[in-house]
Amino acid sequence: MKLSTIGLVSFLLLSGQSGYSQSPKGIIIEMIQHANKLQGFTAEITKEERIDGELVKQITAVKLIRQPFQLYLNQRYPKKGVEILVRKNNNRALINPNAFPWINLSLDPYGSLMRKDQHHTVYDSGFDLMAGILHRELARIGTDTSEHIFYHGETEWQGRSTFLVEMSNPHYKQVIYHVQLGEDLNSIARKLNINEYAILQLNEEVDYYDDVAPGQEIIVPSSYAKKMELYIDKEHMLPLLIKVWDAEGLYEQYAYKKFVINPYFAPDEFTSDYKKYGF
């Protein structure tokens, strides 16, 4: 990728201008801009992620502030009433399991208990991760988007008017990667703009995200997705439905309902003392 192309994409993303929605690439650029300006939101998020070959559904009420990162989750399904409270500078997650042992737990968001059967960590909640992935994909694609970005018109989703945009990689494949000194699956995923859980699933000899050594050969996807569909809300220019496919089929899907942008939060709303929580 030529530096000039990356510089052009970065300029468009950071310029603060709007009105790029004349083209599918422009719609994505404008979406990234709005994601970067977002202060916070509330939503009910239905996620479906492929775990060991099966799509697993989870429905969660979410409150999020981007900076400094603060997150409250209340699971609706399948484990009703589980609460999670995360503050980035604390590096721990407070968990109300709403079940045995009936006490609050303090867990590492990167630890095995919280990452079990999850494509992402709780720190990836919201739109920042997706915006970063799309930013780097646009830089990789460059100026010729004819094989990669498609506009499928306006459609309604959950009563909201949206732009339907598809990003596709016709050259998607699995490739060999040699682990470098100091790397784990998390750092490799960020470096290659892919998902760390996908790497874990492709390598049976790798038991966890830090279970690799310098010089080791592992299999990785060549990009984050073979195909991605974004249903981007016309009013807020944020994706309310995200569908991601790999070589096997639907890999993950995230649907945002009851979405409220930049709501008011009480001063203690991201503390365990908030009166409406069960901690």
C-alpha atoms as a PDB file:
ATOM      1  CA  MET A   1       0.000   0.000   0.000  1.00  0.00           C
ATOM      2  CA  LYS A   2       1.469   3.351  -1.030  1.00  0.00           C
ATOM      3  CA  LEU A   3       1.892   5.917   1.718  1.00  0.00           C
ATOM      4  CA  SER A   4      -0.004   8.475  -0.346  1.00  0.00           C
ATOM      5  CA  THR A   5      -3.121   6.282  -0.372  1.00  0.00           C
ATOM      6  CA  ILE A   6      -3.001   5.763   3.384  1.00  0.00           C
ATOM      7  CA  GLY A   7      -2.471   9.474   3.860  1.00  0.00           C
ATOM      8  CA  LEU A   8      -5.496  10.283   1.702  1.00  0.00           C
ATOM      9  CA  VAL A   9      -7.732   7.900   3.657  1.00  0.00           C
ATOM     10  CA  SER A  10      -6.464   9.300   6.968  1.00  0.00           C
ATOM     11  CA  PHE A  11      -7.129  12.849   5.757  1.00  0.00           C
ATOM     12  CA  LEU A  12     -10.696  11.961   4.802  1.00  0.00           C
ATOM     13  CA  LEU A  13     -11.304  10.238   8.132  1.00  0.00           C
ATOM     14  CA  LEU A  14      -9.892  13.055  10.229  1.00  0.00           C
ATOM     15  CA  SER A  15     -10.996  16.062   8.215  1.00  0.00           C
ATOM     16  CA  GLY A  16     -14.306  16.348  10.056  1.00  0.00           C
ATOM     17  CA  GLN A  17     -16.209  16.944   6.839  1.00  0.00           C
ATOM     18  CA  SER A  18     -19.383  15.104   5.902  1.00  0.00           C
ATOM     19  CA  GLY A  19     -21.360  14.546   2.745  1.00  0.00           C
ATOM     20  CA  TYR A  20     -19.284  11.629   1.432  1.00  0.00           C
ATOM     21  CA  SER A  21     -22.391   9.463   1.210  1.00  0.00           C
ATOM     22  CA  GLN A  22     -22.481   9.958  -2.560  1.00  0.00           C
ATOM     23  CA  SER A  23     -20.633   6.610  -2.759  1.00  0.00           C
ATOM     24  CA  PRO A  24     -20.480   3.411  -0.687  1.00  0.00           C
ATOM     25  CA  LYS A  25     -16.901   4.220   0.314  1.00  0.00           C
ATOM     26  CA  GLY A  26     -18.059   7.675   1.321  1.00  0.00           C
ATOM     27  CA  ILE A  27     -20.807   6.236   3.512  1.00  0.00           C
ATOM     28  CA  ILE A  28     -18.241   4.110   5.360  1.00  0.00           C
ATOM     29  CA  ILE A  29     -15.891   7.078   5.792  1.00  0.00           C
ATOM     30  CA  GLU A  30     -18.727   9.162   7.228  1.00  0.00           C
ATOM     31  CA  MET A  31     -19.708   6.288   9.523  1.00  0.00           C
ATOM     32  CA  ILE A  32     -16.146   6.094  10.881  1.00  0.00           C
ATOM     33  CA  GLN A  33     -16.150   9.833  11.489  1.00  0.00           C
ATOM     34  CA  HIS A  34     -19.343   9.602  13.535  1.00  0.00           C
ATOM     35  CA  ALA A  35     -18.041   6.610  15.492  1.00  0.00           C
ATOM     36  CA  ASN A  36     -14.934   8.619  16.384  1.00  0.00           C
ATOM     37  CA  LYS A  37     -17.054  11.552  17.608  1.00  0.00           C
ATOM     38  CA  LEU A  38     -19.490   9.453  19.639  1.00  0.00           C
ATOM     39  CA  GLN A  39     -19.493  10.214  23.368  1.00  0.00           C
ATOM     40  CA  GLY A  40     -21.622   7.291  24.510  1.00  0.00           C
ATOM     41  CA  PHE A  41     -24.846   5.363  24.017  1.00  0.00           C
ATOM     42  CA  THR A  42     -27.381   2.966  25.445  1.00  0.00           C
ATOM     43  CA  ALA A  43     -28.745   0.016  23.487  1.00  0.00           C
ATOM     44  CA  GLU A  44     -29.999  -3.518  23.621  1.00  0.00           C
ATOM     45  CA  ILE A  45     -27.492  -5.568  21.655  1.00  0.00           C
ATOM     46  CA  THR A  46     -28.224  -8.994  20.240  1.00  0.00           C
ATOM     47  CA  LYS A  47     -25.010 -10.711  19.293  1.00  0.00           C
ATOM     48  CA  GLU A  48     -24.611 -14.023  17.524  1.00  0.00           C
ATOM     49  CA  GLU A  49     -21.119 -15.465  17.349  1.00  0.00           C
ATOM     50  CA  ARG A  50     -20.005 -18.778  15.895  1.00  0.00           C
ATOM     51  CA  ILE A  51     -18.477 -20.834  18.697  1.00  0.00           C
ATOM     52  CA  ASP A  52     -17.140 -24.295  17.830  1.00  0.00           C
ATOM     53  CA  GLY A  53     -19.253 -24.379  14.673  1.00  0.00           C
ATOM     54  CA  GLU A  54     -22.538 -23.179  16.210  1.00  0.00           C
ATOM     55  CA  LEU A  55     -24.060 -19.695  16.359  1.00  0.00           C
ATOM     56  CA  VAL A  56     -24.496 -18.683  20.007  1.00  0.00           C
ATOM     57  CA  LYS A  57     -26.934 -15.866  20.840  1.00  0.00           C
ATOM     58  CA  GLN A  58     -26.670 -13.379  23.673  1.00  0.00           C
ATOM     59  CA  ILE A  59     -28.913 -10.370  24.370  1.00  0.00           C
ATOM     60  CA  THR A  60     -27.560  -7.608  26.604  1.00  0.00           C
ATOM     61  CA  ALA A  61     -28.606  -4.131  27.710  1.00  0.00           C
ATOM     62  CA  VAL A  62     -25.573  -1.863  27.336  1.00  0.00           C
ATOM     63  CA  LYS A  63     -24.550   1.532  28.672  1.00  0.00           C
ATOM     64  CA  LEU A  64     -21.242   2.912  27.437  1.00  0.00           C
ATOM     65  CA  ILE A  65     -19.094   6.027  27.713  1.00  0.00           C
ATOM     66  CA  ARG A  66     -16.127   6.086  25.338  1.00  0.00           C
ATOM     67  CA  GLN A  67     -13.677   8.388  27.146  1.00  0.00           C
ATOM     68  CA  PRO A  68     -12.723   7.541  29.776  1.00  0.00           C
ATOM     69  CA  PHE A  69     -14.043   4.062  28.978  1.00  0.00           C
ATOM     70  CA  GLN A  70     -16.945   3.069  31.234  1.00  0.00           C
ATOM     71  CA  LEU A  71     -19.285   0.150  30.579  1.00  0.00           C
ATOM     72  CA  TYR A  72     -22.313  -1.429  32.206  1.00  0.00           C
ATOM     73  CA  LEU A  73     -23.852  -4.659  30.874  1.00  0.00           C
ATOM     74  CA  ASN A  74     -27.031  -6.391  32.006  1.00  0.00           C
ATOM     75  CA  GLN A  75     -27.593  -9.703  30.269  1.00  0.00           C
ATOM     76  CA  ARG A  76     -31.156 -10.488  29.198  1.00  0.00           C
ATOM     77  CA  TYR A  77     -30.438 -13.868  27.564  1.00  0.00           C
ATOM     78  CA  PRO A  78     -29.374 -16.584  28.179  1.00  0.00           C
ATOM     79  CA  LYS A  79     -28.306 -15.756  31.770  1.00  0.00           C
ATOM     80  CA  LYS A  80     -30.864 -13.170  32.823  1.00  0.00           C
ATOM     81  CA  GLY A  81     -29.691 -10.602  35.335  1.00  0.00           C
ATOM     82  CA  VAL A  82     -25.928 -11.051  35.073  1.00  0.00           C
ATOM     83  CA  GLU A  83     -24.348  -7.594  35.507  1.00  0.00           C
ATOM     84  CA  ILE A  84     -20.881  -6.443  34.468  1.00  0.00           C
ATOM     85  CA  LEU A  85     -19.296  -3.109  35.349  1.00  0.00           C
ATOM     86  CA  VAL A  86     -16.004  -2.059  33.742  1.00  0.00           C
ATOM     87  CA  ARG A  87     -13.852   1.038  34.066  1.00  0.00           C
ATOM     88  CA  LYS A  88     -10.773   1.065  31.847  1.00  0.00           C
ATOM     89  CA  ASN A  89      -8.415   2.551  34.438  1.00  0.00           C
ATOM     90  CA  ASN A  90      -9.341  -0.204  36.917  1.00  0.00           C
ATOM     91  CA  ASN A  91      -8.304  -3.147  34.677  1.00  0.00           C
ATOM     92  CA  ARG A  92     -10.868  -5.332  36.427  1.00  0.00           C
ATOM     93  CA  ALA A  93     -14.515  -6.143  35.767  1.00  0.00           C
ATOM     94  CA  LEU A  94     -17.010  -6.306  38.608  1.00  0.00           C
ATOM     95  CA  ILE A  95     -19.456  -9.170  38.036  1.00  0.00           C
ATOM     96  CA  ASN A  96     -22.813  -9.814  39.676  1.00  0.00           C
ATOM     97  CA  PRO A  97     -23.482 -13.416  38.539  1.00  0.00           C
ATOM     98  CA  ASN A  98     -27.093 -13.309  39.802  1.00  0.00           C
ATOM     99  CA  ALA A  99     -26.516 -16.956  40.744  1.00  0.00           C
ATOM    100  CA  PHE A 100     -24.270 -19.099  42.905  1.00  0.00           C
ATOM    101  CA  PRO A 101     -21.974 -18.156  44.667  1.00  0.00           C
ATOM    102  CA  TRP A 102     -24.212 -15.085  45.162  1.00  0.00           C
ATOM    103  CA  ILE A 103     -21.299 -12.716  45.652  1.00  0.00           C
ATOM    104  CA  ASN A 104     -19.730 -10.138  43.377  1.00  0.00           C
ATOM    105  CA  LEU A 105     -16.643 -11.269  41.477  1.00  0.00           C
ATOM    106  CA  SER A 106     -13.661  -9.205  40.348  1.00  0.00           C
ATOM    107  CA  LEU A 107     -12.265 -10.650  37.123  1.00  0.00           C
ATOM    108  CA  ASP A 108      -9.657  -9.823  34.510  1.00  0.00           C
ATOM    109  CA  PRO A 109     -11.451  -8.871  31.244  1.00  0.00           C
ATOM    110  CA  TYR A 110      -8.612 -10.600  29.371  1.00  0.00           C
ATOM    111  CA  GLY A 111      -8.764 -13.710  31.560  1.00  0.00           C
ATOM    112  CA  SER A 112     -10.036 -17.134  30.560  1.00  0.00           C
ATOM    113  CA  LEU A 113     -13.333 -16.885  32.470  1.00  0.00           C
ATOM    114  CA  MET A 114     -14.462 -13.692  30.753  1.00  0.00           C
ATOM    115  CA  ARG A 115     -13.096 -14.630  27.324  1.00  0.00           C
ATOM    116  CA  LYS A 116     -14.581 -18.117  27.244  1.00  0.00           C
ATOM    117  CA  ASP A 117     -16.763 -18.535  24.138  1.00  0.00           C
ATOM    118  CA  GLN A 118     -16.444 -14.855  23.185  1.00  0.00           C
ATOM    119  CA  HIS A 119     -15.077 -13.384  19.956  1.00  0.00           C
ATOM    120  CA  HIS A 120     -14.142 -10.140  21.714  1.00  0.00           C
ATOM    121  CA  THR A 121     -13.349  -8.708  25.141  1.00  0.00           C
ATOM    122  CA  VAL A 122     -15.722  -6.312  26.912  1.00  0.00           C
ATOM    123  CA  TYR A 123     -13.283  -3.525  26.012  1.00  0.00           C
ATOM    124  CA  ASP A 124     -14.325  -4.026  22.376  1.00  0.00           C
ATOM    125  CA  SER A 125     -17.943  -3.075  23.137  1.00  0.00           C
ATOM    126  CA  GLY A 126     -19.249  -0.211  21.033  1.00  0.00           C
ATOM    127  CA  PHE A 127     -18.039   0.927  17.629  1.00  0.00           C
ATOM    128  CA  ASP A 128     -14.350   1.738  18.092  1.00  0.00           C
ATOM    129  CA  LEU A 129     -13.041  -1.698  17.127  1.00  0.00           C
ATOM    130  CA  MET A 130     -15.200  -1.875  13.995  1.00  0.00           C
ATOM    131  CA  ALA A 131     -14.273   1.681  12.994  1.00  0.00           C
ATOM    132  CA  GLY A 132     -10.578   0.808  13.308  1.00  0.00           C
ATOM    133  CA  ILE A 133     -10.997  -2.368  11.263  1.00  0.00           C
ATOM    134  CA  LEU A 134     -12.814  -0.507   8.491  1.00  0.00           C
ATOM    135  CA  HIS A 135     -10.280   2.339   8.533  1.00  0.00           C
ATOM    136  CA  ARG A 136      -7.413  -0.091   7.924  1.00  0.00           C
ATOM    137  CA  GLU A 137      -9.416  -2.037   5.328  1.00  0.00           C
ATOM    138  CA  LEU A 138      -9.993   1.156   3.335  1.00  0.00           C
ATOM    139  CA  ALA A 139      -6.283   1.866   3.453  1.00  0.00           C
ATOM    140  CA  ARG A 140      -5.542  -1.678   2.262  1.00  0.00           C
ATOM    141  CA  ILE A 141      -8.060  -1.489  -0.589  1.00  0.00           C
ATOM    142  CA  GLY A 142      -6.861   1.886  -1.832  1.00  0.00           C
ATOM    143  CA  THR A 143      -8.605   3.854  -4.553  1.00  0.00           C
ATOM    144  CA  ASP A 144      -9.977   0.974  -6.651  1.00  0.00           C
ATOM    145  CA  THR A 145     -13.010  -0.194  -4.669  1.00  0.00           C
ATOM    146  CA  SER A 146     -14.879  -1.875  -7.525  1.00  0.00           C
ATOM    147  CA  GLU A 147     -14.266  -5.401  -6.206  1.00  0.00           C
ATOM    148  CA  HIS A 148     -14.553  -4.547  -2.539  1.00  0.00           C
ATOM    149  CA  ILE A 149     -17.318  -2.073  -1.648  1.00  0.00           C
ATOM    150  CA  PHE A 150     -20.937  -2.256  -2.838  1.00  0.00           C
ATOM    151  CA  TYR A 151     -23.990  -0.139  -2.122  1.00  0.00           C
ATOM    152  CA  HIS A 152     -27.294  -2.029  -1.917  1.00  0.00           C
ATOM    153  CA  GLY A 153     -29.540   0.990  -1.478  1.00  0.00           C
ATOM    154  CA  GLU A 154     -31.639   2.241   1.412  1.00  0.00           C
ATOM    155  CA  THR A 155     -33.565  -0.208   3.546  1.00  0.00           C
ATOM    156  CA  GLU A 156     -35.536  -0.155   6.777  1.00  0.00           C
ATOM    157  CA  TRP A 157     -34.337  -2.014   9.824  1.00  0.00           C
ATOM    158  CA  GLN A 158     -36.184  -1.986  13.158  1.00  0.00           C
ATOM    159  CA  GLY A 159     -38.167   1.020  11.955  1.00  0.00           C
ATOM    160  CA  ARG A 160     -35.031   3.001  11.092  1.00  0.00           C
ATOM    161  CA  SER A 161     -33.964   4.073   7.607  1.00  0.00           C
ATOM    162  CA  THR A 162     -30.495   2.708   6.818  1.00  0.00           C
ATOM    163  CA  PHE A 163     -27.871   2.544   4.088  1.00  0.00           C
ATOM    164  CA  LEU A 164     -26.931  -1.058   3.274  1.00  0.00           C
ATOM    165  CA  VAL A 165     -23.236  -1.267   2.378  1.00  0.00           C
ATOM    166  CA  GLU A 166     -21.224  -4.421   1.697  1.00  0.00           C
ATOM    167  CA  MET A 167     -17.472  -4.804   2.026  1.00  0.00           C
ATOM    168  CA  SER A 168     -16.056  -7.872   0.312  1.00  0.00           C
ATOM    169  CA  ASN A 169     -12.634  -9.478  -0.066  1.00  0.00           C
ATOM    170  CA  PRO A 170     -12.591 -11.813  -3.101  1.00  0.00           C
ATOM    171  CA  HIS A 171      -9.030 -12.827  -2.187  1.00  0.00           C
ATOM    172  CA  TYR A 172      -9.866 -13.929   1.360  1.00  0.00           C
ATOM    173  CA  LYS A 173      -7.921 -17.032   2.385  1.00  0.00           C
ATOM    174  CA  GLN A 174      -5.950 -18.669   5.173  1.00  0.00           C
ATOM    175  CA  VAL A 175      -2.202 -18.003   5.278  1.00  0.00           C
ATOM    176  CA  ILE A 176       0.821 -18.999   7.364  1.00  0.00           C
ATOM    177  CA  TYR A 177       2.167 -16.487   9.886  1.00  0.00           C
ATOM    178  CA  HIS A 178       5.420 -16.757  11.869  1.00  0.00           C
ATOM    179  CA  VAL A 179       5.050 -15.511  15.428  1.00  0.00           C
ATOM    180  CA  GLN A 180       7.477 -12.725  16.333  1.00  0.00           C
ATOM    181  CA  LEU A 181       9.204 -12.119  19.664  1.00  0.00           C
ATOM    182  CA  GLY A 182       6.826 -10.715  22.276  1.00  0.00           C
ATOM    183  CA  GLU A 183       3.653 -11.449  20.300  1.00  0.00           C
ATOM    184  CA  ASP A 184       0.480 -13.193  21.395  1.00  0.00           C
ATOM    185  CA  LEU A 185      -2.786 -13.712  19.509  1.00  0.00           C
ATOM    186  CA  ASN A 186      -4.117 -10.339  20.652  1.00  0.00           C
ATOM    187  CA  SER A 187      -1.176  -8.351  19.311  1.00  0.00           C
ATOM    188  CA  ILE A 188      -1.063 -10.443  16.118  1.00  0.00           C
ATOM    189  CA  ALA A 189      -4.763  -9.791  15.523  1.00  0.00           C
ATOM    190  CA  ARG A 190      -4.327  -6.027  15.901  1.00  0.00           C
ATOM    191  CA  LYS A 191      -1.224  -6.084  13.693  1.00  0.00           C
ATOM    192  CA  LEU A 192      -2.961  -8.008  10.888  1.00  0.00           C
ATOM    193  CA  ASN A 193      -6.410  -6.409  11.348  1.00  0.00           C
ATOM    194  CA  ILE A 194      -8.103  -9.755  12.076  1.00  0.00           C
ATOM    195  CA  ASN A 195      -9.947 -11.357  15.008  1.00  0.00           C
ATOM    196  CA  GLU A 196      -7.940 -13.183  17.668  1.00  0.00           C
ATOM    197  CA  TYR A 197     -10.692 -15.738  18.337  1.00  0.00           C
ATOM    198  CA  ALA A 198     -10.554 -16.702  14.646  1.00  0.00           C
ATOM    199  CA  ILE A 199      -6.825 -17.417  15.012  1.00  0.00           C
ATOM    200  CA  LEU A 200      -7.502 -19.525  18.109  1.00  0.00           C
ATOM    201  CA  GLN A 201     -10.082 -21.597  16.229  1.00  0.00           C
ATOM    202  CA  LEU A 202      -7.783 -22.180  13.256  1.00  0.00           C
ATOM    203  CA  ASN A 203      -4.929 -23.595  15.365  1.00  0.00           C
ATOM    204  CA  GLU A 204      -5.818 -26.676  17.423  1.00  0.00           C
ATOM    205  CA  GLU A 205      -2.384 -26.754  19.055  1.00  0.00           C
ATOM    206  CA  VAL A 206      -2.911 -23.245  20.496  1.00  0.00           C
ATOM    207  CA  ASP A 207      -4.826 -23.496  23.775  1.00  0.00           C
ATOM    208  CA  TYR A 208      -5.112 -19.805  24.680  1.00  0.00           C
ATOM    209  CA  TYR A 209      -4.292 -16.322  23.438  1.00  0.00           C
ATOM    210  CA  ASP A 210      -0.789 -16.331  24.942  1.00  0.00           C
ATOM    211  CA  ASP A 211       0.026 -19.937  23.978  1.00  0.00           C
ATOM    212  CA  VAL A 212       2.435 -19.151  21.120  1.00  0.00           C
ATOM    213  CA  ALA A 213       6.217 -18.839  20.890  1.00  0.00           C
ATOM    214  CA  PRO A 214       8.615 -16.865  18.651  1.00  0.00           C
ATOM    215  CA  GLY A 215       9.140 -18.604  15.317  1.00  0.00           C
ATOM    216  CA  GLN A 216       6.008 -20.746  15.631  1.00  0.00           C
ATOM    217  CA  GLU A 217       3.968 -21.208  12.445  1.00  0.00           C
ATOM    218  CA  ILE A 218       0.266 -20.545  12.842  1.00  0.00           C
ATOM    219  CA  ILE A 219      -2.643 -20.240  10.426  1.00  0.00           C
ATOM    220  CA  VAL A 220      -4.385 -16.859  10.201  1.00  0.00           C
ATOM    221  CA  PRO A 221      -7.111 -15.339   8.000  1.00  0.00           C
ATOM    222  CA  SER A 222      -5.789 -12.951   5.361  1.00  0.00           C
ATOM    223  CA  SER A 223      -8.283 -10.262   6.467  1.00  0.00           C
ATOM    224  CA  TYR A 224     -10.976  -9.728   9.062  1.00  0.00           C
ATOM    225  CA  ALA A 225     -13.817 -10.960   6.867  1.00  0.00           C
ATOM    226  CA  LYS A 226     -14.652 -12.476   3.524  1.00  0.00           C
ATOM    227  CA  LYS A 227     -17.767 -10.326   3.461  1.00  0.00           C
ATOM    228  CA  MET A 228     -19.300  -7.772   5.764  1.00  0.00           C
ATOM    229  CA  GLU A 229     -22.704  -6.071   5.615  1.00  0.00           C
ATOM    230  CA  LEU A 230     -23.355  -2.798   7.432  1.00  0.00           C
ATOM    231  CA  TYR A 231     -26.841  -1.385   7.985  1.00  0.00           C
ATOM    232  CA  ILE A 232     -25.920   2.228   8.715  1.00  0.00           C
ATOM    233  CA  ASP A 233     -28.540   4.460  10.323  1.00  0.00           C
ATOM    234  CA  LYS A 234     -29.131   7.507   8.109  1.00  0.00           C
ATOM    235  CA  GLU A 235     -29.704   9.883  11.009  1.00  0.00           C
ATOM    236  CA  HIS A 236     -26.763   8.991  13.244  1.00  0.00           C
ATOM    237  CA  MET A 237     -24.511   7.393  10.574  1.00  0.00           C
ATOM    238  CA  LEU A 238     -23.699   4.478  12.875  1.00  0.00           C
ATOM    239  CA  PRO A 239     -24.180   0.767  12.102  1.00  0.00           C
ATOM    240  CA  LEU A 240     -27.284  -0.722  13.725  1.00  0.00           C
ATOM    241  CA  LEU A 241     -26.699  -4.162  12.217  1.00  0.00           C
ATOM    242  CA  ILE A 242     -23.312  -5.694  11.416  1.00  0.00           C
ATOM    243  CA  LYS A 243     -22.974  -9.073   9.704  1.00  0.00           C
ATOM    244  CA  VAL A 244     -19.589 -10.732   9.181  1.00  0.00           C
ATOM    245  CA  TRP A 245     -18.831 -13.812   7.055  1.00  0.00           C
ATOM    246  CA  ASP A 246     -15.703 -15.925   6.721  1.00  0.00           C
ATOM    247  CA  ALA A 247     -14.982 -18.933   4.476  1.00  0.00           C
ATOM    248  CA  GLU A 248     -17.362 -21.154   6.484  1.00  0.00           C
ATOM    249  CA  GLY A 249     -20.354 -18.791   6.551  1.00  0.00           C
ATOM    250  CA  LEU A 250     -21.771 -16.316   9.038  1.00  0.00           C
ATOM    251  CA  TYR A 251     -19.064 -15.698  11.649  1.00  0.00           C
ATOM    252  CA  GLU A 252     -20.659 -13.014  13.814  1.00  0.00           C
ATOM    253  CA  GLN A 253     -23.608 -10.624  13.852  1.00  0.00           C
ATOM    254  CA  TYR A 254     -24.424  -7.642  16.076  1.00  0.00           C
ATOM    255  CA  ALA A 255     -27.822  -5.936  16.158  1.00  0.00           C
ATOM    256  CA  TYR A 256     -28.406  -2.670  18.036  1.00  0.00           C
ATOM    257  CA  LYS A 257     -31.970  -1.997  19.211  1.00  0.00           C
ATOM    258  CA  LYS A 258     -33.409   0.745  21.448  1.00  0.00           C
ATOM    259  CA  PHE A 259     -30.364   2.765  20.430  1.00  0.00           C
ATOM    260  CA  VAL A 260     -29.924   6.169  22.124  1.00  0.00           C
ATOM    261  CA  ILE A 261     -26.925   8.305  21.202  1.00  0.00           C
ATOM    262  CA  ASN A 262     -25.099  10.475  23.779  1.00  0.00           C
ATOM    263  CA  PRO A 263     -27.684  10.109  26.577  1.00  0.00           C
ATOM    264  CA  TYR A 264     -27.446  11.706  30.011  1.00  0.00           C
ATOM    265  CA  PHE A 265     -25.879   9.469  32.647  1.00  0.00           C
ATOM    266  CA  ALA A 266     -26.161  10.101  36.378  1.00  0.00           C
ATOM    267  CA  PRO A 267     -22.827  10.838  38.144  1.00  0.00           C
ATOM    268  CA  ASP A 268     -22.884   7.429  39.866  1.00  0.00           C
ATOM    269  CA  GLU A 269     -24.328   5.420  36.964  1.00  0.00           C
ATOM    270  CA  PHE A 270     -21.074   3.568  36.354  1.00  0.00           C
ATOM    271  CA  THR A 271     -20.512   2.619  39.976  1.00  0.00           C
ATOM    272  CA  SER A 272     -21.679  -0.405  41.932  1.00  0.00           C
ATOM    273  CA  ASP A 273     -23.622   1.909  44.247  1.00  0.00           C
ATOM    274  CA  TYR A 274     -26.086   2.991  41.560  1.00  0.00           C
ATOM    275  CA  LYS A 275     -29.554   2.365  42.984  1.00  0.00           C
ATOM    276  CA  LYS A 276     -30.876   0.436  39.953  1.00  0.00           C
ATOM    277  CA  TYR A 277     -28.099  -2.174  39.983  1.00  0.00           C
ATOM    278  CA  GLY A 278     -27.887  -5.391  41.932  1.00  0.00           C
ATOM    279  CA  PHE A 279     -24.219  -5.410  42.953  1.00  0.00           C
END
